[in-house]
Each structure stands twice: as C-alpha cells, then as structure tokens.
Amino acid sequence: IYEQSCEAYKHRGNTSGYYYIDVDGSGPINPQLIFCNVTEDKTWTVIQHNNTELTKIQPSIERSQHFEYTVNEEQLLAIISQSEYCEQELAYHCRKSRLPNTPDGAPLSWWVGGPGAGQRQTYWGGALPGSQQCACSLQENCVDHKHHCNCDADHTAWANDSGLLTHKESLPVRSLVLGDVQKPGSESSYMVGPLRCYGDNSVWDSAFFDKETSYLHFPTFHGELSADISLLFKTTSSSGVLLENLGIRDFIRLELGCK
C-alpha cells in the first residue's frame, strides 16, 4: 500500500511532506508517518525526536539528556541500515564547560548512540569514531592547540564544538551525558538535530539493456507466505518479458504488451 522510502515517493512525483513509509513491504514492520524532504539535491528522510532545539543546561538538573524518536525501534534501525548515508548534527556551546578534556584519560562527557541501548561514544560532531576529539582538531583550528576541542580550553569566553555525526553504526544519538556543567561560572547549551538519511540501498539497483537477448539472472525467488516484487522501467519496446520466475510447479511471469 505504501512506498518503502522517500526516494520512491519522489519518483512518483510527490513533493515534500509527511508520508507513510513501509520499509519492509509485506514484512512485520508497520508503516509509519515520516517527513520526506525532496527540495534539496538529495531526497532526505527526516526523523525527529523529542528535543531538536538548542537547549540550555540547568546545572541543578540531572546531567543526562535522553532522546525519544518519533518512529519505533525496528523502523528506525531499518531506515538507517537501508540508507546510503545518514547524518545527525551534534552541537555544544560552552563557557568554562569542558567536553572530553583529554584524549588519554576518562572523558568528562560523552554520548550514547547505535542500535538497541546503544554504546558510549567519545568522539564529537565532525570527528572520527573513537578519537575523543572534535571537528576543530581535524581542521587544526582549535582555540587552544593543546586541546582537541574548543570547549576543552575552559575559557570564560563562549565557544562551541559542532559538527555532523555520519558513522551509521553509531546512530541515532540516544542520550547525552555532560560532566562539567556544575562548577562556578560554567554555562553550556546543546543541540542534537533530527536524524537525516538519503539513498535506498534495497531498491535502487539499475541496469541498461541494449539487445533483445539481454537479461539479468538471479537465484530462484522464494515467497512461500508473502513477498514483494517492484520495479521501475523505461522502454521504447511495445512488448517483452520484464520478469520470469520458474519453479517446479508454479511460475511468475510479468510481461509488457500492447493491445
């Protein structure tokens, strides 16, 4: 009933908006309403969570921030797995409020991301997994060259460490733990953006045939209980076999013909 991705809705000619996405077709995962952004060069699937705004840290409140997404866990992981690319913005604005502080010792702050309960991640937006660094370290423009994050300089002036998380195995961001927010004079704010993904690895394989005898051969299709077959094609031919699946007793043949 519903398409498996935002890419498919774009190919139908749909504009940006909320659409029901059914990532596994006739499989057990229920379709859910998701925003598709088709206005950029890529077609983005956008999944919101309970707090995508810039949020000021209140030192008297629990330092751990947890994020709940608007789709269920199975749908969330399937979209990440099937997408060609995913990203999530992570920003931290600081004044005398450090992040990891040192690449060698135990980090003061971290975030939890990945499937299930997730795993503790000590790298920050724009840096490499496991590095305990921020984007400014790779760009070699941190405010203090002795540190790998701007906030770790612990200055009284405002600074920020911001960037995109693009390592799919670490997404989505599930919680944020900030450990240097309670000392006198410290102020900080954080922002975790929505999860954004594009590309559909399960669908968009394409082939071009320049001869009538050309074909693609796949293992025999098994669909004992339920299965889905979908394809897009463009041709100048008036007839032909688009798909054929031969079994011992049963077969499927999809033909193009003009009456």
Foldseek 3Di string as FASTA:
>chain_A
DFAQDLVVVVVVVDAWDWGFHDNAVPDDFGTDIWTWHPPDPFIKTWKFWDFQDWFKDDQVDAQKFFIGIPGDQVSVLSQLVFFPWKKKKKKKKKFLFAFQLDQPDGGQKWFAFAHDRGDTFQEHACDDTSRNAANCQVVVNAPDNVHRHVCSVSHRDMDMGMHMDIPSRGDDTGMIGGRGANDPSMIMIMGIHTMMTGHGNVAPDDDDDDDLPDDDDDPADDDPDHDDDDDDDDDPDQKDWPDWHDDPPDIDTDMHHDD
